[in-house]
Amino acid sequence: MKEKRLLSLLLTVMLAIAAFAQSQTFTGRVVDPSGEPVIGATIVQKGT
């Protein structure tokens, strides 16, 4: 019974952390050296 309760708590905490991580918003443009937009670019925040 303790294992089930611990697993439920761990799952709840992990879901809360994942939901919070998705709530950050970044704005801007990703461009190549000539100033053209980069289609399908993905960004990663440093330190994450």
PDB file of N, CA and C in Angstrom:
ATOM      1  N   MET A   1       0.818  -1.191   0.000  1.00  0.00           N
ATOM      2  CA  MET A   1       0.000   0.000   0.000  1.00  0.00           C
ATOM      3  C   MET A   1       0.864   1.259   0.000  1.00  0.00           C
ATOM      4  N   LYS A   2       1.972   1.236   0.761  1.00  0.00           N
ATOM      5  CA  LYS A   2       2.871   2.395   0.795  1.00  0.00           C
ATOM      6  C   LYS A   2       3.488   2.652  -0.570  1.00  0.00           C
ATOM      7  N   GLU A   3       3.829   1.571  -1.291  1.00  0.00           N
ATOM      8  CA  GLU A   3       4.437   1.727  -2.605  1.00  0.00           C
ATOM      9  C   GLU A   3       3.465   2.400  -3.571  1.00  0.00           C
ATOM     10  N   LYS A   4       2.206   2.029  -3.494  1.00  0.00           N
ATOM     11  CA  LYS A   4       1.201   2.603  -4.374  1.00  0.00           C
ATOM     12  C   LYS A   4       1.013   4.092  -4.086  1.00  0.00           C
ATOM     13  N   ARG A   5       1.004   4.454  -2.822  1.00  0.00           N
ATOM     14  CA  ARG A   5       0.850   5.857  -2.432  1.00  0.00           C
ATOM     15  C   ARG A   5       2.065   6.669  -2.872  1.00  0.00           C
ATOM     16  N   LEU A   6       3.262   6.112  -2.689  1.00  0.00           N
ATOM     17  CA  LEU A   6       4.487   6.793  -3.104  1.00  0.00           C
ATOM     18  C   LEU A   6       4.532   6.968  -4.620  1.00  0.00           C
ATOM     19  N   LEU A   7       4.129   5.945  -5.343  1.00  0.00           N
ATOM     20  CA  LEU A   7       4.101   6.022  -6.801  1.00  0.00           C
ATOM     21  C   LEU A   7       3.115   7.086  -7.271  1.00  0.00           C
ATOM     22  N   SER A   8       1.957   7.159  -6.641  1.00  0.00           N
ATOM     23  CA  SER A   8       0.964   8.178  -6.994  1.00  0.00           C
ATOM     24  C   SER A   8       1.499   9.578  -6.730  1.00  0.00           C
ATOM     25  N   LEU A   9       2.161   9.767  -5.607  1.00  0.00           N
ATOM     26  CA  LEU A   9       2.745  11.067  -5.273  1.00  0.00           C
ATOM     27  C   LEU A   9       3.826  11.442  -6.280  1.00  0.00           C
ATOM     28  N   LEU A  10       4.688  10.516  -6.612  1.00  0.00           N
ATOM     29  CA  LEU A  10       5.757  10.763  -7.567  1.00  0.00           C
ATOM     30  C   LEU A  10       5.200  11.120  -8.942  1.00  0.00           C
ATOM     31  N   LEU A  11       4.184  10.411  -9.380  1.00  0.00           N
ATOM     32  CA  LEU A  11       3.568  10.697 -10.674  1.00  0.00           C
ATOM     33  C   LEU A  11       2.927  12.081 -10.683  1.00  0.00           C
ATOM     34  N   THR A  12       2.261  12.445  -9.614  1.00  0.00           N
ATOM     35  CA  THR A  12       1.636  13.762  -9.516  1.00  0.00           C
ATOM     36  C   THR A  12       2.676  14.870  -9.579  1.00  0.00           C
ATOM     37  N   VAL A  13       3.769  14.719  -8.874  1.00  0.00           N
ATOM     38  CA  VAL A  13       4.833  15.717  -8.872  1.00  0.00           C
ATOM     39  C   VAL A  13       5.455  15.839 -10.267  1.00  0.00           C
ATOM     40  N   MET A  14       5.686  14.724 -10.915  1.00  0.00           N
ATOM     41  CA  MET A  14       6.283  14.747 -12.250  1.00  0.00           C
ATOM     42  C   MET A  14       5.362  15.436 -13.259  1.00  0.00           C
ATOM     43  N   LEU A  15       4.067  15.182 -13.166  1.00  0.00           N
ATOM     44  CA  LEU A  15       3.123  15.832 -14.069  1.00  0.00           C
ATOM     45  C   LEU A  15       3.066  17.336 -13.825  1.00  0.00           C
ATOM     46  N   ALA A  16       3.136  17.744 -12.569  1.00  0.00           N
ATOM     47  CA  ALA A  16       3.114  19.171 -12.243  1.00  0.00           C
ATOM     48  C   ALA A  16       4.362  19.866 -12.790  1.00  0.00           C
ATOM     49  N   ILE A  17       5.501  19.235 -12.653  1.00  0.00           N
ATOM     50  CA  ILE A  17       6.749  19.811 -13.169  1.00  0.00           C
ATOM     51  C   ILE A  17       6.693  19.919 -14.691  1.00  0.00           C
ATOM     52  N   ALA A  18       6.197  18.888 -15.358  1.00  0.00           N
ATOM     53  CA  ALA A  18       6.101  18.909 -16.819  1.00  0.00           C
ATOM     54  C   ALA A  18       5.145  20.002 -17.280  1.00  0.00           C
ATOM     55  N   ALA A  19       4.044  20.182 -16.589  1.00  0.00           N
ATOM     56  CA  ALA A  19       3.078  21.222 -16.964  1.00  0.00           C
ATOM     57  C   ALA A  19       3.681  22.610 -16.775  1.00  0.00           C
ATOM     58  N   PHE A  20       4.417  22.829 -15.709  1.00  0.00           N
ATOM     59  CA  PHE A  20       5.044  24.121 -15.463  1.00  0.00           C
ATOM     60  C   PHE A  20       6.103  24.416 -16.521  1.00  0.00           C
ATOM     61  N   ALA A  21       6.861  23.414 -16.912  1.00  0.00           N
ATOM     62  CA  ALA A  21       7.935  23.613 -17.893  1.00  0.00           C
ATOM     63  C   ALA A  21       7.384  24.037 -19.247  1.00  0.00           C
ATOM     64  N   GLN A  22       6.170  23.657 -19.564  1.00  0.00           N
ATOM     65  CA  GLN A  22       5.590  24.000 -20.851  1.00  0.00           C
ATOM     66  C   GLN A  22       4.952  25.381 -20.871  1.00  0.00           C
ATOM     67  N   SER A  23       4.937  26.077 -19.747  1.00  0.00           N
ATOM     68  CA  SER A  23       4.208  27.341 -19.682  1.00  0.00           C
ATOM     69  C   SER A  23       5.060  28.567 -19.998  1.00  0.00           C
ATOM     70  N   GLN A  24       6.320  28.398 -20.308  1.00  0.00           N
ATOM     71  CA  GLN A  24       7.169  29.534 -20.626  1.00  0.00           C
ATOM     72  C   GLN A  24       6.982  29.934 -22.087  1.00  0.00           C
ATOM     73  N   THR A  25       6.977  31.250 -22.350  1.00  0.00           N
ATOM     74  CA  THR A  25       6.792  31.753 -23.706  1.00  0.00           C
ATOM     75  C   THR A  25       8.013  32.562 -24.133  1.00  0.00           C
ATOM     76  N   PHE A  26       8.498  32.282 -25.315  1.00  0.00           N
ATOM     77  CA  PHE A  26       9.612  33.023 -25.889  1.00  0.00           C
ATOM     78  C   PHE A  26       9.120  33.680 -27.170  1.00  0.00           C
ATOM     79  N   THR A  27       9.599  34.873 -27.433  1.00  0.00           N
ATOM     80  CA  THR A  27       9.242  35.548 -28.678  1.00  0.00           C
ATOM     81  C   THR A  27      10.512  35.951 -29.411  1.00  0.00           C
ATOM     82  N   GLY A  28      10.405  36.065 -30.696  1.00  0.00           N
ATOM     83  CA  GLY A  28      11.548  36.483 -31.493  1.00  0.00           C
ATOM     84  C   GLY A  28      11.558  35.766 -32.829  1.00  0.00           C
ATOM     85  N   ARG A  29      12.648  35.950 -33.559  1.00  0.00           N
ATOM     86  CA  ARG A  29      12.802  35.324 -34.871  1.00  0.00           C
ATOM     87  C   ARG A  29      14.134  34.606 -34.934  1.00  0.00           C
ATOM     88  N   VAL A  30      14.131  33.457 -35.597  1.00  0.00           N
ATOM     89  CA  VAL A  30      15.371  32.721 -35.864  1.00  0.00           C
ATOM     90  C   VAL A  30      15.701  32.966 -37.317  1.00  0.00           C
ATOM     91  N   VAL A  31      16.865  33.567 -37.550  1.00  0.00           N
ATOM     92  CA  VAL A  31      17.269  33.893 -38.914  1.00  0.00           C
ATOM     93  C   VAL A  31      18.657  33.339 -39.196  1.00  0.00           C
ATOM     94  N   ASP A  32      18.932  33.124 -40.479  1.00  0.00           N
ATOM     95  CA  ASP A  32      20.267  32.684 -40.881  1.00  0.00           C
ATOM     96  C   ASP A  32      21.165  33.916 -41.034  1.00  0.00           C
ATOM     97  N   PRO A  33      22.449  33.731 -41.338  1.00  0.00           N
ATOM     98  CA  PRO A  33      23.364  34.879 -41.436  1.00  0.00           C
ATOM     99  C   PRO A  33      22.958  35.946 -42.449  1.00  0.00           C
ATOM    100  N   SER A  34      22.163  35.574 -43.449  1.00  0.00           N
ATOM    101  CA  SER A  34      21.731  36.570 -44.433  1.00  0.00           C
ATOM    102  C   SER A  34      20.427  37.259 -44.023  1.00  0.00           C
ATOM    103  N   GLY A  35      19.870  36.903 -42.879  1.00  0.00           N
ATOM    104  CA  GLY A  35      18.661  37.549 -42.382  1.00  0.00           C
ATOM    105  C   GLY A  35      17.366  36.876 -42.781  1.00  0.00           C
ATOM    106  N   GLU A  36      17.466  35.746 -43.489  1.00  0.00           N
ATOM    107  CA  GLU A  36      16.270  35.010 -43.903  1.00  0.00           C
ATOM    108  C   GLU A  36      15.755  34.146 -42.742  1.00  0.00           C
ATOM    109  N   PRO A  37      14.427  34.047 -42.578  1.00  0.00           N
ATOM    110  CA  PRO A  37      13.883  33.211 -41.504  1.00  0.00           C
ATOM    111  C   PRO A  37      14.236  31.740 -41.699  1.00  0.00           C
ATOM    112  N   VAL A  38      14.499  31.044 -40.618  1.00  0.00           N
ATOM    113  CA  VAL A  38      14.810  29.617 -40.657  1.00  0.00           C
ATOM    114  C   VAL A  38      13.509  28.861 -40.376  1.00  0.00           C
ATOM    115  N   ILE A  39      13.009  28.157 -41.388  1.00  0.00           N
ATOM    116  CA  ILE A  39      11.744  27.440 -41.260  1.00  0.00           C
ATOM    117  C   ILE A  39      11.956  26.163 -40.446  1.00  0.00           C
ATOM    118  N   GLY A  40      11.073  25.936 -39.458  1.00  0.00           N
ATOM    119  CA  GLY A  40      11.125  24.720 -38.643  1.00  0.00           C
ATOM    120  C   GLY A  40      12.216  24.726 -37.601  1.00  0.00           C
ATOM    121  N   ALA A  41      12.762  25.893 -37.254  1.00  0.00           N
ATOM    122  CA  ALA A  41      13.829  25.961 -36.270  1.00  0.00           C
ATOM    123  C   ALA A  41      13.301  25.617 -34.876  1.00  0.00           C
ATOM    124  N   THR A  42      14.145  24.999 -34.091  1.00  0.00           N
ATOM    125  CA  THR A  42      13.827  24.662 -32.706  1.00  0.00           C
ATOM    126  C   THR A  42      14.817  25.376 -31.813  1.00  0.00           C
ATOM    127  N   ILE A  43      14.336  25.916 -30.690  1.00  0.00           N
ATOM    128  CA  ILE A  43      15.239  26.572 -29.749  1.00  0.00           C
ATOM    129  C   ILE A  43      15.253  25.810 -28.440  1.00  0.00           C
ATOM    130  N   VAL A  44      16.389  25.908 -27.740  1.00  0.00           N
ATOM    131  CA  VAL A  44      16.535  25.297 -26.421  1.00  0.00           C
ATOM    132  C   VAL A  44      17.113  26.356 -25.493  1.00  0.00           C
ATOM    133  N   GLN A  45      16.477  26.556 -24.363  1.00  0.00           N
ATOM    134  CA  GLN A  45      16.957  27.535 -23.392  1.00  0.00           C
ATOM    135  C   GLN A  45      18.176  26.963 -22.682  1.00  0.00           C
ATOM    136  N   LYS A  46      19.230  27.758 -22.575  1.00  0.00           N
ATOM    137  CA  LYS A  46      20.448  27.298 -21.884  1.00  0.00           C
ATOM    138  C   LYS A  46      20.136  27.001 -20.424  1.00  0.00           C
ATOM    139  N   GLY A  47      20.764  25.968 -19.917  1.00  0.00           N
ATOM    140  CA  GLY A  47      20.598  25.604 -18.519  1.00  0.00           C
ATOM    141  C   GLY A  47      19.387  24.735 -18.240  1.00  0.00           C
ATOM    142  N   THR A  48      18.751  24.220 -19.305  1.00  0.00           N
ATOM    143  CA  THR A  48      17.582  23.353 -19.090  1.00  0.00           C
ATOM    144  C   THR A  48      17.894  21.934 -19.451  1.00  0.00           C
TER     145      THR A  48
END
